[in-house]
Amino acid sequence: MKKIALVFTVFLVFAMGLGFAVPCFAAGEKLGYVDLGRVFDEYQKTKNFDKSLEAKGAQKQTEREKMVAEVKKLRDEAELLSSKAKEDKQVVIDEKIKTLQEFDRATRDSLRRERDTMVREILKEIETVIQSFGKSQGYTFIFNDRVLVYKSEGSDLTQQVIKALNESRPSKK
């Protein structure tokens, strides 16, 4: 009997809470959501950064290929040498391989750090523009679409935010 009373009390409290919450949203609250992944991908600064990072990666790949070619050349030369000369050449080859491995690690770390820094900067800019957009358009809440169970297409602000974000950047010509 006590369990039934407890369940009924919990249900009653929940229903009353829901009854108070619904009028809050019904009283003209303006809600919207944004697909942050799409905003990030379609932001012109992101596209420019991706191109820049690709160019740096291609340059580093060219440098790496030169180093690999040098190691191959040294190995080919070592095949033609006597035992003692081969051992000496192997020391040089091992040093070149060590240098190549260090180059790979340093390049990977450098590009990752640069990417992480730029992603943080871009996400900060997106957040600032969304806040400004929300205030100027009178929104009470703007949600990330990934946490929504249901969303009405009429509440999707993604394209408007992308437009505002790209217009907020001075164009480079």
Protein backbone atom coordinates (compact mmCIF):
# COMPACT_ATOMS: atom_id res chain seq x y z
CA MET A 1 0.00 0.00 0.00
CA LYS A 2 2.81 2.38 0.87
CA LYS A 3 4.49 1.62 -2.51
CA ILE A 4 1.33 2.56 -4.39
CA ALA A 5 1.07 5.81 -2.44
CA LEU A 6 4.73 6.58 -3.12
CA VAL A 7 4.34 5.89 -6.85
CA PHE A 8 1.21 8.03 -6.97
CA THR A 9 2.99 10.88 -5.16
CA VAL A 10 5.98 10.73 -7.53
CA PHE A 11 3.62 10.71 -10.52
CA LEU A 12 1.67 13.66 -9.12
CA VAL A 13 4.85 15.69 -8.51
CA PHE A 14 6.08 14.88 -12.03
CA ALA A 15 2.76 15.87 -13.58
CA MET A 16 2.68 19.14 -11.65
CA GLY A 17 6.25 19.90 -12.73
CA LEU A 18 5.33 19.20 -16.32
CA GLY A 19 2.28 21.41 -15.93
CA PHE A 20 4.45 24.32 -14.84
CA ALA A 21 7.12 23.70 -17.50
CA VAL A 22 4.80 23.60 -20.51
CA PRO A 23 3.44 27.15 -20.05
CA CYS A 24 7.03 28.45 -19.89
CA PHE A 25 7.67 27.23 -23.41
CA ALA A 26 4.20 28.11 -24.61
CA ALA A 27 4.65 31.72 -23.56
CA GLY A 28 6.40 32.76 -26.75
CA GLU A 29 9.79 31.14 -26.23
CA LYS A 30 11.72 31.06 -29.48
CA LEU A 31 13.64 27.84 -30.03
CA GLY A 32 15.92 26.66 -32.80
CA TYR A 33 18.69 24.20 -33.54
CA VAL A 34 21.90 24.13 -35.54
CA ASP A 35 23.80 21.28 -37.21
CA LEU A 36 27.26 22.21 -35.88
CA GLY A 37 29.03 19.66 -38.07
CA ARG A 38 27.53 21.17 -41.21
CA VAL A 39 28.24 24.72 -40.00
CA PHE A 40 31.87 23.76 -39.37
CA ASP A 41 32.23 22.06 -42.76
CA GLU A 42 30.56 24.83 -44.75
CA TYR A 43 32.34 27.70 -43.02
CA GLN A 44 34.68 29.28 -45.58
CA LYS A 45 37.47 29.61 -43.02
CA THR A 46 37.34 25.83 -42.48
CA LYS A 47 37.57 25.22 -46.22
CA ASN A 48 40.52 27.61 -46.53
CA PHE A 49 42.27 25.99 -43.59
CA ASP A 50 41.76 22.51 -45.04
CA LYS A 51 43.38 23.62 -48.32
CA SER A 52 46.30 25.16 -46.43
CA LEU A 53 46.80 22.02 -44.34
CA GLU A 54 46.64 19.84 -47.46
CA ALA A 55 49.33 21.97 -49.13
CA LYS A 56 51.58 21.69 -46.08
CA GLY A 57 50.98 17.96 -45.94
CA ALA A 58 51.87 17.60 -49.63
CA GLN A 59 55.07 19.61 -49.11
CA LYS A 60 56.07 17.41 -46.17
CA GLN A 61 55.26 14.30 -48.21
CA THR A 62 57.60 15.51 -50.98
CA GLU A 63 60.37 16.03 -48.42
CA ARG A 64 59.72 12.55 -47.02
CA GLU A 65 59.86 10.95 -50.45
CA LYS A 66 63.27 12.53 -51.06
CA MET A 67 64.53 11.07 -47.78
CA VAL A 68 63.14 7.62 -48.63
CA ALA A 69 64.77 7.77 -52.08
CA GLU A 70 68.09 8.62 -50.44
CA VAL A 71 67.82 5.60 -48.12
CA LYS A 72 67.01 3.33 -51.08
CA LYS A 73 69.98 4.68 -53.00
CA LEU A 74 72.28 4.03 -50.04
CA ARG A 75 70.92 0.47 -49.71
CA ASP A 76 71.51 -0.17 -53.40
CA GLU A 77 75.07 1.14 -53.09
CA ALA A 78 75.65 -1.06 -50.02
CA GLU A 79 74.79 -4.19 -52.00
CA LEU A 80 77.84 -3.63 -54.20
CA LEU A 81 80.32 -3.14 -51.36
CA SER A 82 82.56 -5.50 -49.42
CA SER A 83 81.61 -6.69 -45.93
CA LYS A 84 83.56 -3.99 -44.06
CA ALA A 85 82.32 -1.21 -46.35
CA LYS A 86 78.76 -2.60 -46.05
CA GLU A 87 78.91 -2.29 -42.27
CA ASP A 88 80.09 1.30 -42.53
CA LYS A 89 77.37 2.09 -45.07
CA GLN A 90 74.77 0.39 -42.83
CA VAL A 91 75.63 2.84 -40.03
CA VAL A 92 74.90 5.72 -42.41
CA ILE A 93 71.67 4.04 -43.57
CA ASP A 94 70.54 3.50 -39.97
CA GLU A 95 71.14 7.19 -39.20
CA LYS A 96 69.13 8.23 -42.27
CA ILE A 97 66.28 5.92 -41.23
CA LYS A 98 66.35 7.37 -37.72
CA THR A 99 66.24 10.88 -39.20
CA LEU A 100 63.31 9.85 -41.42
CA GLN A 101 61.39 8.45 -38.45
CA GLU A 102 62.00 11.62 -36.45
CA PHE A 103 60.88 13.71 -39.43
CA ASP A 104 57.65 11.66 -39.66
CA ARG A 105 56.93 12.05 -35.94
CA ALA A 106 57.70 15.78 -35.88
CA THR A 107 55.62 16.42 -39.00
CA ARG A 108 52.66 14.45 -37.68
CA ASP A 109 52.80 16.26 -34.32
CA SER A 110 53.18 19.68 -35.91
CA LEU A 111 50.26 19.23 -38.30
CA ARG A 112 48.07 17.80 -35.53
CA ARG A 113 48.83 20.73 -33.20
CA GLU A 114 48.14 23.23 -35.97
CA ARG A 115 44.86 21.49 -36.85
CA ASP A 116 43.75 21.35 -33.19
CA THR A 117 44.52 25.03 -32.66
CA MET A 118 42.62 26.05 -35.77
CA VAL A 119 39.63 23.84 -34.94
CA ARG A 120 39.39 25.43 -31.48
CA GLU A 121 39.57 28.90 -33.04
CA ILE A 122 36.89 28.08 -35.62
CA LEU A 123 34.58 26.55 -33.00
CA LYS A 124 34.96 29.69 -30.86
CA GLU A 125 34.02 31.85 -33.84
CA ILE A 126 31.00 29.65 -34.57
CA GLU A 127 29.85 29.88 -30.96
CA THR A 128 30.23 33.67 -30.98
CA VAL A 129 28.24 34.04 -34.20
CA ILE A 130 25.49 31.70 -32.95
CA GLN A 131 25.19 33.71 -29.73
CA SER A 132 25.07 36.97 -31.64
CA PHE A 133 22.57 35.54 -34.12
CA GLY A 134 20.38 34.22 -31.29
CA LYS A 135 20.34 37.56 -29.49
CA SER A 136 19.66 39.60 -32.62
CA GLN A 137 16.85 37.27 -33.75
CA GLY A 138 15.26 36.97 -30.31
CA TYR A 139 15.91 33.28 -29.68
CA THR A 140 15.63 31.98 -26.12
CA PHE A 141 17.43 28.72 -26.89
CA ILE A 142 19.49 27.42 -29.80
CA PHE A 143 20.38 23.74 -29.49
CA ASN A 144 22.94 21.46 -31.09
CA ASP A 145 20.94 19.11 -33.33
CA ARG A 146 22.85 16.05 -32.15
CA VAL A 147 21.12 16.04 -28.77
CA LEU A 148 17.59 16.37 -30.12
CA VAL A 149 15.29 13.39 -30.35
CA TYR A 150 12.80 15.21 -32.57
CA LYS A 151 13.31 18.36 -34.55
CA SER A 152 11.06 20.31 -36.84
CA GLU A 153 12.64 21.44 -40.11
CA GLY A 154 11.14 24.89 -39.50
CA SER A 155 13.39 25.29 -36.45
CA ASP A 156 16.61 24.51 -38.34
CA LEU A 157 18.82 27.61 -38.23
CA THR A 158 21.88 25.96 -39.77
CA GLN A 159 21.81 27.71 -43.15
CA GLN A 160 21.14 31.11 -41.56
CA VAL A 161 24.06 30.62 -39.16
CA ILE A 162 26.37 29.53 -42.02
CA LYS A 163 25.40 32.65 -43.96
CA ALA A 164 25.96 34.90 -40.93
CA LEU A 165 29.28 33.21 -40.18
CA ASN A 166 30.63 33.55 -43.70
CA GLU A 167 29.42 37.15 -43.93
CA SER A 168 31.17 37.98 -40.64
CA ARG A 169 34.57 37.21 -42.22
CA PRO A 170 36.24 39.83 -44.35
CA SER A 171 36.64 38.37 -47.81
CA LYS A 172 40.17 37.86 -49.08
CA LYS A 173 40.70 38.54 -52.76
